[in-house]
Every structure is written in structure tokens, then in C-alpha cells.
C-alpha atoms as a PDB file:
ATOM      1  CA  MET A   1     143.789 119.800 110.752  1.00  0.00           C
ATOM      2  CA  ALA A   2     143.174 116.058 110.889  1.00  0.00           C
ATOM      3  CA  LYS A   3     139.644 114.877 111.516  1.00  0.00           C
ATOM      4  CA  TYR A   4     140.687 111.637 113.244  1.00  0.00           C
ATOM      5  CA  SER A   5     143.712 110.730 115.359  1.00  0.00           C
ATOM      6  CA  LYS A   6     146.070 107.872 114.523  1.00  0.00           C
ATOM      7  CA  LYS A   7     144.617 105.879 117.397  1.00  0.00           C
ATOM      8  CA  ALA A   8     141.106 106.280 115.973  1.00  0.00           C
ATOM      9  CA  GLY A   9     142.335 105.203 112.545  1.00  0.00           C
ATOM     10  CA  GLU A  10     143.925 102.099 114.026  1.00  0.00           C
ATOM     11  CA  LYS A  11     140.722 101.195 115.877  1.00  0.00           C
ATOM     12  CA  VAL A  12     138.698 101.492 112.668  1.00  0.00           C
ATOM     13  CA  LYS A  13     141.279  99.390 110.838  1.00  0.00           C
ATOM     14  CA  GLU A  14     141.049  96.692 113.529  1.00  0.00           C
ATOM     15  CA  ALA A  15     137.251  96.716 113.407  1.00  0.00           C
ATOM     16  CA  LEU A  16     137.229  96.336 109.609  1.00  0.00           C
ATOM     17  CA  HIS A  17     139.724  93.487 109.844  1.00  0.00           C
ATOM     18  CA  GLU A  18     137.578  91.694 112.432  1.00  0.00           C
ATOM     19  CA  MET A  19     134.490  92.212 110.270  1.00  0.00           C
ATOM     20  CA  LYS A  20     136.196  90.649 107.264  1.00  0.00           C
ATOM     21  CA  GLN A  21     137.187  87.657 109.394  1.00  0.00           C
ATOM     22  CA  GLY A  22     133.626  87.366 110.708  1.00  0.00           C
ATOM     23  CA  LYS A  23     134.588  88.023 114.327  1.00  0.00           C
ATOM     24  CA  LEU A  24     133.110  91.501 114.795  1.00  0.00           C
ATOM     25  CA  LYS A  25     129.775  91.517 116.600  1.00  0.00           C
ATOM     26  CA  SER A  26     127.401  94.362 117.323  1.00  0.00           C
ATOM     27  CA  GLY A  27     126.976  95.535 120.888  1.00  0.00           C
ATOM     28  CA  GLY A  28     123.181  95.507 121.067  1.00  0.00           C
ATOM     29  CA  SER A  29     122.158  92.188 119.598  1.00  0.00           C
ATOM     30  CA  GLY A  30     125.489  90.378 119.470  1.00  0.00           C
ATOM     31  CA  LYS A  31     124.965  89.416 115.816  1.00  0.00           C
ATOM     32  CA  LYS A  32     127.815  89.400 113.317  1.00  0.00           C
ATOM     33  CA  VAL A  33     128.439  92.720 111.627  1.00  0.00           C
ATOM     34  CA  LYS A  34     128.172  92.551 107.831  1.00  0.00           C
ATOM     35  CA  SER A  35     128.022  96.252 106.973  1.00  0.00           C
ATOM     36  CA  ARG A  36     131.241  98.170 106.350  1.00  0.00           C
ATOM     37  CA  LYS A  37     129.650 101.363 107.670  1.00  0.00           C
ATOM     38  CA  GLN A  38     128.638  99.630 110.886  1.00  0.00           C
ATOM     39  CA  ALA A  39     132.179  98.306 111.362  1.00  0.00           C
ATOM     40  CA  ILE A  40     133.581 101.823 110.967  1.00  0.00           C
ATOM     41  CA  ALA A  41     131.035 103.160 113.465  1.00  0.00           C
ATOM     42  CA  ILE A  42     132.035 100.485 115.989  1.00  0.00           C
ATOM     43  CA  GLY A  43     135.728 101.323 115.521  1.00  0.00           C
ATOM     44  CA  LEU A  44     135.103 105.039 116.053  1.00  0.00           C
ATOM     45  CA  SER A  45     132.950 104.335 119.079  1.00  0.00           C
ATOM     46  CA  GLU A  46     135.695 102.236 120.663  1.00  0.00           C
ATOM     47  CA  ALA A  47     138.237 104.957 119.890  1.00  0.00           C
ATOM     48  CA  ARG A  48     136.030 107.600 121.536  1.00  0.00           C
ATOM     49  CA  ALA A  49     135.705 105.412 124.619  1.00  0.00           C
ATOM     50  CA  GLU A  50     139.502 105.288 124.906  1.00  0.00           C
ATOM     51  CA  GLY A  51     139.760 109.051 124.545  1.00  0.00           C
ATOM     52  CA  ALA A  52     141.066 109.224 120.979  1.00  0.00           C
ATOM     53  CA  LYS A  53     140.329 112.235 118.821  1.00  0.00           C
ATOM     54  CA  ALA A  54     137.277 111.291 116.801  1.00  0.00           C
ATOM     55  CA  PRO A  55     134.277 113.388 115.814  1.00  0.00           C
ATOM     56  CA  LYS A  56     131.101 113.115 117.876  1.00  0.00           C
ATOM     57  CA  LYS A  57     128.153 111.096 116.638  1.00  0.00           C
ATOM     58  CA  SER A  58     126.203 113.024 114.033  1.00  0.00           C
ATOM     59  CA  LYS A  59     123.057 114.845 115.121  1.00  0.00           C
ATOM     60  CA  LYS A  60     121.272 113.277 112.177  1.00  0.00           C
ATOM     61  CA  ALA A  61     121.819 109.736 113.487  1.00  0.00           C
ATOM     62  CA  SER A  62     120.698 110.609 116.999  1.00  0.00           C
ATOM     63  CA  ALA A  63     117.593 112.346 115.625  1.00  0.00           C
ATOM     64  CA  LYS A  64     116.649 109.195 113.713  1.00  0.00           C
ATOM     65  CA  LYS A  65     116.942 107.096 116.871  1.00  0.00           C
ATOM     66  CA  ALA A  66     114.808 109.558 118.830  1.00  0.00           C
ATOM     67  CA  ALA A  67     112.157 109.506 116.113  1.00  0.00           C
ATOM     68  CA  LYS A  68     112.062 105.700 116.168  1.00  0.00           C
ATOM     69  CA  LYS A  69     111.630 105.654 119.943  1.00  0.00           C
ATOM     70  CA  LYS A  70     108.702 108.066 119.734  1.00  0.00           C
ATOM     71  CA  ALA A  71     106.953 106.007 117.051  1.00  0.00           C
ATOM     72  CA  SER A  72     107.536 102.622 118.673  1.00  0.00           C
ATOM     73  CA  PRO A  73     104.987 102.822 121.556  1.00  0.00           C
ATOM     74  CA  LYS A  74     102.128 103.131 119.060  1.00  0.00           C
ATOM     75  CA  LYS A  75     103.324 100.131 117.096  1.00  0.00           C
ATOM     76  CA  ALA A  76     103.881  98.153 120.273  1.00  0.00           C
ATOM     77  CA  ALA A  77     100.324  98.867 121.425  1.00  0.00           C
ATOM     78  CA  LYS A  78      98.907  97.662 118.106  1.00  0.00           C
ATOM     79  CA  LYS A  79     100.986  94.492 118.199  1.00  0.00           C
ATOM     80  CA  SER A  80      99.992  93.665 121.763  1.00  0.00           C
ATOM     81  CA  ALA A  81      96.312  94.215 120.897  1.00  0.00           C
ATOM     82  CA  LYS A  82      96.594  91.819 117.964  1.00  0.00           C
ATOM     83  CA  LYS A  83      98.339  89.190 120.101  1.00  0.00           C
ATOM     84  CA  SER A  84      95.735  89.387 122.841  1.00  0.00           C
ATOM     85  CA  ALA A  85      92.950  89.084 120.261  1.00  0.00           C
ATOM     86  CA  LYS A  86      94.551  85.950 118.835  1.00  0.00           C
ATOM     87  CA  LYS A  87      95.017  84.397 122.259  1.00  0.00           C
ATOM     88  CA  SER A  88      91.437  85.045 123.350  1.00  0.00           C
ATOM     89  CA  GLY A  89      90.089  83.614 120.113  1.00  0.00           C
ATOM     90  CA  ALA A  90      88.277  86.818 119.247  1.00  0.00           C
ATOM     91  CA  LYS A  91      87.143  87.041 115.666  1.00  0.00           C
ATOM     92  CA  LYS A  92      86.050  89.955 113.590  1.00  0.00           C
ATOM     93  CA  ASN A  93      82.310  90.530 113.500  1.00  0.00           C
ATOM     94  CA  LYS A  94      80.829  89.111 110.337  1.00  0.00           C
ATOM     95  CA  PRO A  95      77.386  90.189 109.167  1.00  0.00           C
ATOM     96  CA  ILE A  96      74.720  87.534 109.719  1.00  0.00           C
ATOM     97  CA  LYS A  97      72.826  86.549 106.613  1.00  0.00           C
ATOM     98  CA  ASN A  98      69.104  85.951 107.057  1.00  0.00           C
ATOM     99  CA  LYS A  99      67.444  83.434 104.728  1.00  0.00           C
END
């Protein structure tokens, strides 16, 4: 049994062609796609949206995204603390030398 339909294959082919011409852009940031894997993923995603037979997104990829989202609030809090410290002119405490 075929893993992908003809329609899905055509969508991937179109996406790869656009990538090679430099016209394919990612959905999130709108930057040009340079990765072959990303172009294939975009083609499959478009095919799924049109109802073509294409496998679902892997659980592994969705797990990675979920893990990144969980870790990001901590990093964001650290970054915002650093920015506010820079803006307020706060400096690290240095020991005072007595002569």
C-alpha cells in the first residue's frame, strides 16, 4: 500500500521546485526555506490541508515542540530580568576594599 497519494507527491515536488528557485517561504517567520527537509514538510502539510493521503505529523516532532514550549518560560524570565537590570543601570555588587 502506498504511503503517499499522487496529489501529495505532486505537492512535495512543487515545494521542492519553489525552494530551488528561492520562492518558498516558511509559514511562521516568512523567511526563505533553505532546508530540503523543511520543503518536504511544507509540501506534505499543504497536501494534508487539501485532503490528500499523507501520513500524520510524527509524534516525535510534536513532542519536541511541546518540550520547547515548556522550557521557554524559564528562559524568557531570565532574559527579561537581564534586560530590566541593564535598563535600570543595576550593577553586580563588588566587594569594597578598605585601605
